[in-house]
Amino acid sequence: HLTLSSEWDRLKWGPLTRARSLTTSSGYFCRRLWPSGEVREAFIDLDWQLDEIEAELRAQIERVLQHLAATHLTGHMGVVRLDEPIGALVARLEQEYDLRADVSDFQRLAAYGEGASPWTGRV
């Protein structure tokens, strides 16, 4: 379950890597991928670097594969299709690790405003 966000108030998580472009000043992932309601600090507004996203997603996949026989990838809050470069990256990782990406959660997330890409309008 690939993630680049940490939405809980009292339980926070951050990257497995030293991915500074993916975190807030506190060192944790943002609460949201896109600005929403009272949450203004969003991942999409960070000056994120695709190479850091790749390193982080690889680290997450490899951590899981150390302990489980994974069959597919899912994305926390729609991150696997956040924008086209990230989607292309996930597609490459999917092939490299022989894991298919499960995007079935996008229709559900779209109802909350989290699933549609602001660049493509696609869910």
Foldseek 3Di string as FASTA:
>chain_A
DDELAAQDDPDFAAFPDPQPQSPDPVRTHHNEQDDDDPRHDHRVPGPGDVVSSLVRRVVVVVVVVVPDDDAAAEYDLQQCPQDDVSVVSVVVVCVVVVHYYDPVCLVVSVVVVRRAHPVPRHD
